[in-house]
């Protein structure tokens, strides 16, 4: 599964999820207020949702969003109010 979060020329963040075996292609444009970090985290949410929905046993998520992966590793659950999207990922 491939995840892409480009920052578009008009400064809008977009999410792209691709799974070639299941012909899944999802593109979503977020509001202009959304940050790259939010887009990267929401992209991970979408990828994990597809994994759970399709009940995939062995899946690799390809992402370059080190900041969202670091946030998942670093911030304790008590900080869910500061990064609600991180809590959403953990709850999946």
C-alpha atoms as a PDB file:
ATOM      1  CA  UNK A   1       0.000   0.000   0.000  1.00  0.00           C
ATOM      2  CA  UNK A   2       1.407   3.380  -0.937  1.00  0.00           C
ATOM      3  CA  UNK A   3       0.581   6.633   0.829  1.00  0.00           C
ATOM      4  CA  UNK A   4       1.278  10.065  -0.635  1.00  0.00           C
ATOM      5  CA  UNK A   5       0.582  13.506   0.835  1.00  0.00           C
ATOM      6  CA  UNK A   6       1.579  16.247  -1.609  1.00  0.00           C
ATOM      7  CA  UNK A   7       1.390  19.941  -0.763  1.00  0.00           C
ATOM      8  CA  UNK A   8      -0.359  21.437  -3.782  1.00  0.00           C
ATOM      9  CA  UNK A   9       0.536  24.737  -5.430  1.00  0.00           C
ATOM     10  CA  UNK A  10      -2.428  26.502  -3.819  1.00  0.00           C
ATOM     11  CA  UNK A  11      -1.245  25.311  -0.413  1.00  0.00           C
ATOM     12  CA  UNK A  12      -3.839  22.612   0.111  1.00  0.00           C
ATOM     13  CA  UNK A  13      -2.864  19.240   1.486  1.00  0.00           C
ATOM     14  CA  UNK A  14      -4.041  16.112  -0.305  1.00  0.00           C
ATOM     15  CA  UNK A  15      -4.088  12.453   0.669  1.00  0.00           C
ATOM     16  CA  UNK A  16      -3.553   9.607  -1.760  1.00  0.00           C
ATOM     17  CA  UNK A  17      -3.929   5.902  -0.948  1.00  0.00           C
ATOM     18  CA  UNK A  18      -3.169   3.200  -3.532  1.00  0.00           C
ATOM     19  CA  UNK A  19      -3.479  -0.571  -3.265  1.00  0.00           C
ATOM     20  CA  UNK A  20      -2.889  -2.152  -6.667  1.00  0.00           C
ATOM     21  CA  UNK A  21      -4.123  -5.667  -5.811  1.00  0.00           C
ATOM     22  CA  UNK A  22      -7.561  -4.383  -4.786  1.00  0.00           C
ATOM     23  CA  UNK A  23      -7.762  -1.519  -7.301  1.00  0.00           C
ATOM     24  CA  UNK A  24      -8.062   0.989  -4.460  1.00  0.00           C
ATOM     25  CA  UNK A  25      -7.235   4.541  -5.429  1.00  0.00           C
ATOM     26  CA  UNK A  26      -8.410   7.258  -3.074  1.00  0.00           C
ATOM     27  CA  UNK A  27      -7.549  10.937  -3.430  1.00  0.00           C
ATOM     28  CA  UNK A  28      -8.762  13.465  -0.893  1.00  0.00           C
ATOM     29  CA  UNK A  29      -8.137  17.215  -0.745  1.00  0.00           C
ATOM     30  CA  UNK A  30      -8.096  18.651   2.770  1.00  0.00           C
ATOM     31  CA  UNK A  31      -9.033  22.157   3.812  1.00  0.00           C
ATOM     32  CA  UNK A  32      -6.429  24.922   3.286  1.00  0.00           C
ATOM     33  CA  UNK A  33      -5.956  25.131   7.058  1.00  0.00           C
ATOM     34  CA  UNK A  34      -4.683  21.542   7.216  1.00  0.00           C
ATOM     35  CA  UNK A  35      -0.980  21.060   7.830  1.00  0.00           C
ATOM     36  CA  UNK A  36       1.281  18.514   6.159  1.00  0.00           C
ATOM     37  CA  UNK A  37       1.489  16.711   9.512  1.00  0.00           C
ATOM     38  CA  UNK A  38      -2.315  16.395   9.649  1.00  0.00           C
ATOM     39  CA  UNK A  39      -2.396  15.134   6.078  1.00  0.00           C
ATOM     40  CA  UNK A  40       0.292  12.562   6.755  1.00  0.00           C
ATOM     41  CA  UNK A  41      -1.504  11.317   9.859  1.00  0.00           C
ATOM     42  CA  UNK A  42      -4.883  11.167   8.106  1.00  0.00           C
ATOM     43  CA  UNK A  43      -3.230   9.268   5.265  1.00  0.00           C
ATOM     44  CA  UNK A  44      -2.032   6.677   7.781  1.00  0.00           C
ATOM     45  CA  UNK A  45      -5.576   6.516   9.207  1.00  0.00           C
ATOM     46  CA  UNK A  46      -6.989   5.787   5.730  1.00  0.00           C
ATOM     47  CA  UNK A  47      -4.339   3.147   5.003  1.00  0.00           C
ATOM     48  CA  UNK A  48      -4.996   1.384   8.320  1.00  0.00           C
ATOM     49  CA  UNK A  49      -8.767   1.565   7.760  1.00  0.00           C
ATOM     50  CA  UNK A  50      -8.352  -0.212   4.405  1.00  0.00           C
ATOM     51  CA  UNK A  51      -6.133  -2.858   5.998  1.00  0.00           C
ATOM     52  CA  UNK A  52      -8.770  -3.532   8.654  1.00  0.00           C
ATOM     53  CA  UNK A  53     -11.697  -3.384   6.211  1.00  0.00           C
ATOM     54  CA  UNK A  54     -10.096  -5.866   3.810  1.00  0.00           C
ATOM     55  CA  UNK A  55      -8.741  -7.995   6.697  1.00  0.00           C
ATOM     56  CA  UNK A  56      -5.287  -8.018   5.147  1.00  0.00           C
ATOM     57  CA  UNK A  57      -2.897 -10.246   7.054  1.00  0.00           C
ATOM     58  CA  UNK A  58       0.428  -9.050   5.647  1.00  0.00           C
ATOM     59  CA  UNK A  59       0.610  -5.427   4.572  1.00  0.00           C
ATOM     60  CA  UNK A  60       3.383  -2.880   4.276  1.00  0.00           C
ATOM     61  CA  UNK A  61       2.556   0.823   4.320  1.00  0.00           C
ATOM     62  CA  UNK A  62       5.101   2.853   2.368  1.00  0.00           C
ATOM     63  CA  UNK A  63       5.341   6.398   3.669  1.00  0.00           C
ATOM     64  CA  UNK A  64       7.903   9.163   3.988  1.00  0.00           C
ATOM     65  CA  UNK A  65       6.072  10.848   6.858  1.00  0.00           C
ATOM     66  CA  UNK A  66       8.703  10.478   9.540  1.00  0.00           C
ATOM     67  CA  UNK A  67       7.086  13.179  11.688  1.00  0.00           C
ATOM     68  CA  UNK A  68       3.824  11.240  12.037  1.00  0.00           C
ATOM     69  CA  UNK A  69       5.675   7.988  12.757  1.00  0.00           C
ATOM     70  CA  UNK A  70       7.787   9.774  15.384  1.00  0.00           C
ATOM     71  CA  UNK A  71       4.637  11.228  16.956  1.00  0.00           C
ATOM     72  CA  UNK A  72       3.132   7.758  17.189  1.00  0.00           C
ATOM     73  CA  UNK A  73       6.279   6.479  18.873  1.00  0.00           C
ATOM     74  CA  UNK A  74       6.878   9.398  21.240  1.00  0.00           C
ATOM     75  CA  UNK A  75       3.686  10.882  22.577  1.00  0.00           C
ATOM     76  CA  UNK A  76       1.986   9.056  25.442  1.00  0.00           C
ATOM     77  CA  UNK A  77      -1.741   8.448  25.280  1.00  0.00           C
ATOM     78  CA  UNK A  78      -2.274  11.212  27.858  1.00  0.00           C
ATOM     79  CA  UNK A  79      -1.472  13.795  25.174  1.00  0.00           C
ATOM     80  CA  UNK A  80      -4.412  12.804  22.957  1.00  0.00           C
ATOM     81  CA  UNK A  81      -5.940  16.272  23.253  1.00  0.00           C
ATOM     82  CA  UNK A  82      -2.843  17.849  21.686  1.00  0.00           C
ATOM     83  CA  UNK A  83      -2.700  15.455  18.716  1.00  0.00           C
ATOM     84  CA  UNK A  84      -6.179  13.950  18.282  1.00  0.00           C
ATOM     85  CA  UNK A  85      -5.255  12.383  14.943  1.00  0.00           C
ATOM     86  CA  UNK A  86      -2.483  10.398  16.654  1.00  0.00           C
ATOM     87  CA  UNK A  87      -5.071   9.065  19.115  1.00  0.00           C
ATOM     88  CA  UNK A  88      -7.304   8.139  16.177  1.00  0.00           C
ATOM     89  CA  UNK A  89      -4.490   6.095  14.628  1.00  0.00           C
ATOM     90  CA  UNK A  90      -3.793   4.328  17.920  1.00  0.00           C
ATOM     91  CA  UNK A  91      -7.478   3.521  18.398  1.00  0.00           C
ATOM     92  CA  UNK A  92      -7.580   1.663  15.083  1.00  0.00           C
END
